Amino acid sequence: MKYLLVLMVVLAGVWIWRSRRVTQRPPAPPPRPAAPTPSAMVACRHCGLHLPASDAVDGPGGPYCSAEHQRLGPGKSRSPTRDAG
């Protein structure tokens, strides 16, 4: 009878310990926001700079990176690996 009483006390202690552990669990972190969708890239007709289409200035010859380059019009085609000199 003594062992049965000790077993019941131990089981009650384990049950209380486990029930408190579940309620003290930290809340789940909020879900991560979705990754932004990529935007189309266009090259400036004057200098060749690539920029998002939403930031480009539309001109008569195509997209430009700024109003100044739009005013100057299409420039010489340059290779990005060649020296500008």
N, C-alpha and C. Protein backbone atom coordinates (compact mmCIF):
# COMPACT_ATOMS: atom_id res chain seq x y z
N MET A 1 0.82 -1.19 0.00
CA MET A 1 0.00 0.00 0.00
C MET A 1 0.87 1.26 0.00
N LYS A 2 1.98 1.21 0.71
CA LYS A 2 2.89 2.35 0.78
C LYS A 2 3.46 2.66 -0.61
N TYR A 3 3.81 1.64 -1.39
CA TYR A 3 4.37 1.83 -2.72
C TYR A 3 3.33 2.40 -3.68
N LEU A 4 2.09 2.00 -3.54
CA LEU A 4 1.02 2.52 -4.38
C LEU A 4 0.83 4.02 -4.12
N LEU A 5 0.89 4.44 -2.88
CA LEU A 5 0.75 5.85 -2.53
C LEU A 5 1.93 6.66 -3.10
N VAL A 6 3.14 6.14 -3.00
CA VAL A 6 4.32 6.83 -3.54
C VAL A 6 4.20 6.93 -5.07
N LEU A 7 3.76 5.86 -5.72
CA LEU A 7 3.59 5.86 -7.17
C LEU A 7 2.55 6.90 -7.59
N MET A 8 1.44 7.00 -6.86
CA MET A 8 0.40 7.98 -7.18
C MET A 8 0.92 9.41 -7.02
N VAL A 9 1.71 9.67 -6.00
CA VAL A 9 2.27 11.01 -5.78
C VAL A 9 3.25 11.36 -6.91
N VAL A 10 4.08 10.39 -7.29
CA VAL A 10 5.03 10.63 -8.38
C VAL A 10 4.29 10.89 -9.69
N LEU A 11 3.28 10.09 -10.01
CA LEU A 11 2.51 10.28 -11.23
C LEU A 11 1.78 11.63 -11.23
N ALA A 12 1.24 12.02 -10.09
CA ALA A 12 0.57 13.32 -9.99
C ALA A 12 1.57 14.45 -10.21
N GLY A 13 2.77 14.31 -9.66
CA GLY A 13 3.81 15.33 -9.87
C GLY A 13 4.22 15.44 -11.33
N VAL A 14 4.38 14.30 -11.98
CA VAL A 14 4.75 14.30 -13.40
C VAL A 14 3.63 14.92 -14.23
N TRP A 15 2.39 14.58 -13.91
CA TRP A 15 1.25 15.12 -14.65
C TRP A 15 1.18 16.66 -14.51
N ILE A 16 1.37 17.16 -13.30
CA ILE A 16 1.33 18.61 -13.06
C ILE A 16 2.50 19.29 -13.78
N TRP A 17 3.68 18.68 -13.71
CA TRP A 17 4.86 19.25 -14.36
C TRP A 17 4.66 19.35 -15.88
N ARG A 18 4.12 18.29 -16.48
CA ARG A 18 3.91 18.28 -17.93
C ARG A 18 2.81 19.26 -18.35
N SER A 19 1.75 19.39 -17.56
CA SER A 19 0.67 20.30 -17.93
C SER A 19 1.15 21.76 -17.84
N ARG A 20 2.01 22.08 -16.91
CA ARG A 20 2.54 23.45 -16.82
C ARG A 20 3.53 23.73 -17.95
N ARG A 21 4.26 22.72 -18.35
CA ARG A 21 5.23 22.89 -19.42
C ARG A 21 4.54 23.25 -20.73
N VAL A 22 3.39 22.69 -21.00
CA VAL A 22 2.65 22.97 -22.23
C VAL A 22 2.12 24.40 -22.21
N THR A 23 1.62 24.87 -21.08
CA THR A 23 1.05 26.22 -21.02
C THR A 23 2.14 27.29 -21.02
N GLN A 24 3.36 26.96 -20.64
CA GLN A 24 4.43 27.95 -20.61
C GLN A 24 5.22 27.99 -21.91
N ARG A 25 4.80 27.27 -22.90
CA ARG A 25 5.48 27.25 -24.19
C ARG A 25 5.39 28.64 -24.82
N PRO A 26 6.49 29.16 -25.35
CA PRO A 26 6.43 30.49 -25.97
C PRO A 26 5.55 30.46 -27.21
N PRO A 27 4.92 31.59 -27.52
CA PRO A 27 4.05 31.62 -28.71
C PRO A 27 4.87 31.42 -29.98
N ALA A 28 4.22 30.90 -30.97
CA ALA A 28 4.89 30.66 -32.25
C ALA A 28 5.27 32.00 -32.88
N PRO A 29 6.42 32.06 -33.53
CA PRO A 29 6.80 33.33 -34.16
C PRO A 29 5.86 33.64 -35.32
N PRO A 30 5.67 34.92 -35.61
CA PRO A 30 4.77 35.27 -36.72
C PRO A 30 5.34 34.76 -38.03
N PRO A 31 4.49 34.45 -38.98
CA PRO A 31 4.99 33.94 -40.26
C PRO A 31 5.81 35.01 -40.98
N ARG A 32 6.82 34.56 -41.71
CA ARG A 32 7.66 35.49 -42.44
C ARG A 32 6.89 36.08 -43.61
N PRO A 33 7.10 37.36 -43.90
CA PRO A 33 6.41 37.95 -45.04
C PRO A 33 6.91 37.33 -46.34
N ALA A 34 6.05 37.35 -47.32
CA ALA A 34 6.41 36.77 -48.61
C ALA A 34 7.54 37.57 -49.25
N ALA A 35 8.36 36.89 -49.99
CA ALA A 35 9.47 37.55 -50.68
C ALA A 35 8.91 38.49 -51.74
N PRO A 36 9.55 39.65 -51.91
CA PRO A 36 9.04 40.56 -52.94
C PRO A 36 9.22 39.95 -54.32
N THR A 37 8.29 40.28 -55.19
CA THR A 37 8.36 39.73 -56.55
C THR A 37 9.40 40.52 -57.34
N PRO A 38 10.17 39.86 -58.17
CA PRO A 38 11.18 40.58 -58.96
C PRO A 38 10.50 41.48 -59.99
N SER A 39 11.14 42.60 -60.26
CA SER A 39 10.58 43.52 -61.26
C SER A 39 11.44 43.45 -62.53
N ALA A 40 10.83 43.84 -63.62
CA ALA A 40 11.54 43.83 -64.90
C ALA A 40 12.64 44.88 -64.89
N MET A 41 13.79 44.53 -65.45
CA MET A 41 14.92 45.46 -65.53
C MET A 41 15.05 45.94 -66.97
N VAL A 42 15.36 47.22 -67.13
CA VAL A 42 15.57 47.80 -68.45
C VAL A 42 16.90 48.54 -68.44
N ALA A 43 17.47 48.74 -69.61
CA ALA A 43 18.74 49.46 -69.74
C ALA A 43 18.47 50.87 -70.24
N CYS A 44 19.17 51.84 -69.66
CA CYS A 44 19.07 53.23 -70.10
C CYS A 44 19.61 53.31 -71.53
N ARG A 45 18.90 54.01 -72.41
CA ARG A 45 19.31 54.11 -73.81
C ARG A 45 20.53 55.02 -73.97
N HIS A 46 20.83 55.83 -72.97
CA HIS A 46 21.97 56.74 -73.07
C HIS A 46 23.24 56.12 -72.49
N CYS A 47 23.17 55.63 -71.26
CA CYS A 47 24.39 55.15 -70.59
C CYS A 47 24.44 53.64 -70.40
N GLY A 48 23.33 52.94 -70.61
CA GLY A 48 23.33 51.48 -70.47
C GLY A 48 23.09 50.98 -69.06
N LEU A 49 22.86 51.89 -68.12
CA LEU A 49 22.60 51.49 -66.74
C LEU A 49 21.32 50.67 -66.66
N HIS A 50 21.38 49.55 -65.98
CA HIS A 50 20.18 48.72 -65.78
C HIS A 50 19.46 49.18 -64.52
N LEU A 51 18.17 49.37 -64.62
CA LEU A 51 17.36 49.82 -63.50
C LEU A 51 15.97 49.21 -63.62
N PRO A 52 15.22 49.16 -62.50
CA PRO A 52 13.86 48.62 -62.56
C PRO A 52 12.99 49.45 -63.52
N ALA A 53 12.14 48.78 -64.24
CA ALA A 53 11.27 49.47 -65.21
C ALA A 53 10.38 50.49 -64.51
N SER A 54 10.03 50.26 -63.26
CA SER A 54 9.17 51.20 -62.54
C SER A 54 9.90 52.51 -62.24
N ASP A 55 11.25 52.50 -62.19
CA ASP A 55 12.03 53.72 -61.92
C ASP A 55 12.48 54.43 -63.19
N ALA A 56 12.31 53.81 -64.34
CA ALA A 56 12.81 54.37 -65.59
C ALA A 56 11.94 55.53 -66.06
N VAL A 57 12.57 56.45 -66.79
CA VAL A 57 11.87 57.57 -67.42
C VAL A 57 11.66 57.19 -68.87
N ASP A 58 10.41 57.12 -69.30
CA ASP A 58 10.12 56.74 -70.69
C ASP A 58 10.40 57.92 -71.61
N GLY A 59 11.07 57.63 -72.71
CA GLY A 59 11.40 58.66 -73.68
C GLY A 59 11.12 58.18 -75.09
N PRO A 60 11.44 59.02 -76.09
CA PRO A 60 11.15 58.65 -77.48
C PRO A 60 11.95 57.45 -77.96
N GLY A 61 13.15 57.25 -77.44
CA GLY A 61 13.97 56.13 -77.90
C GLY A 61 13.90 54.93 -76.99
N GLY A 62 13.14 55.00 -75.92
CA GLY A 62 13.04 53.90 -74.98
C GLY A 62 13.22 54.39 -73.55
N PRO A 63 13.59 53.51 -72.65
CA PRO A 63 13.72 53.91 -71.24
C PRO A 63 15.05 54.61 -70.96
N TYR A 64 15.01 55.55 -70.03
CA TYR A 64 16.20 56.28 -69.60
C TYR A 64 16.27 56.25 -68.08
N CYS A 65 17.49 56.45 -67.55
CA CYS A 65 17.65 56.40 -66.10
C CYS A 65 17.33 57.74 -65.44
N SER A 66 17.32 58.83 -66.21
CA SER A 66 17.02 60.15 -65.64
C SER A 66 16.45 61.06 -66.73
N ALA A 67 15.88 62.17 -66.30
CA ALA A 67 15.34 63.14 -67.26
C ALA A 67 16.47 63.76 -68.08
N GLU A 68 17.64 63.91 -67.49
CA GLU A 68 18.79 64.47 -68.21
C GLU A 68 19.20 63.56 -69.35
N HIS A 69 19.27 62.27 -69.11
CA HIS A 69 19.63 61.33 -70.17
C HIS A 69 18.52 61.24 -71.21
N GLN A 70 17.29 61.42 -70.79
CA GLN A 70 16.19 61.45 -71.76
C GLN A 70 16.35 62.66 -72.68
N ARG A 71 16.74 63.80 -72.09
CA ARG A 71 16.94 65.02 -72.87
C ARG A 71 18.10 64.86 -73.86
N LEU A 72 19.17 64.17 -73.43
CA LEU A 72 20.34 63.98 -74.29
C LEU A 72 20.10 62.96 -75.39
N GLY A 73 19.16 62.06 -75.19
CA GLY A 73 18.83 61.06 -76.21
C GLY A 73 19.77 59.86 -76.15
N PRO A 74 19.62 58.95 -77.11
CA PRO A 74 20.45 57.75 -77.10
C PRO A 74 21.93 58.09 -77.21
N GLY A 75 22.75 57.40 -76.41
CA GLY A 75 24.19 57.64 -76.43
C GLY A 75 24.90 56.54 -77.19
N LYS A 76 26.24 56.64 -77.22
CA LYS A 76 27.04 55.60 -77.87
C LYS A 76 26.94 54.32 -77.07
N SER A 77 26.92 53.22 -77.76
CA SER A 77 26.88 51.92 -77.09
C SER A 77 28.28 51.61 -76.58
N ARG A 78 28.40 51.35 -75.28
CA ARG A 78 29.69 51.03 -74.67
C ARG A 78 29.62 49.67 -74.03
N SER A 79 30.72 48.98 -74.08
CA SER A 79 30.82 47.71 -73.37
C SER A 79 31.17 48.02 -71.93
N PRO A 80 30.51 47.38 -70.96
CA PRO A 80 30.80 47.68 -69.55
C PRO A 80 32.20 47.24 -69.14
N THR A 81 32.87 46.39 -69.94
CA THR A 81 34.20 45.92 -69.57
C THR A 81 35.31 46.75 -70.21
N ARG A 82 34.97 47.64 -71.14
CA ARG A 82 35.98 48.46 -71.80
C ARG A 82 36.19 49.75 -71.05
N ASP A 83 37.36 50.30 -71.21
CA ASP A 83 37.70 51.56 -70.57
C ASP A 83 36.95 52.70 -71.26
N ALA A 84 36.39 53.63 -70.48
CA ALA A 84 35.60 54.72 -71.04
C ALA A 84 36.47 55.79 -71.67
N GLY A 85 37.79 55.79 -71.43
CA GLY A 85 38.74 56.81 -71.85
C GLY A 85 38.71 57.13 -73.25
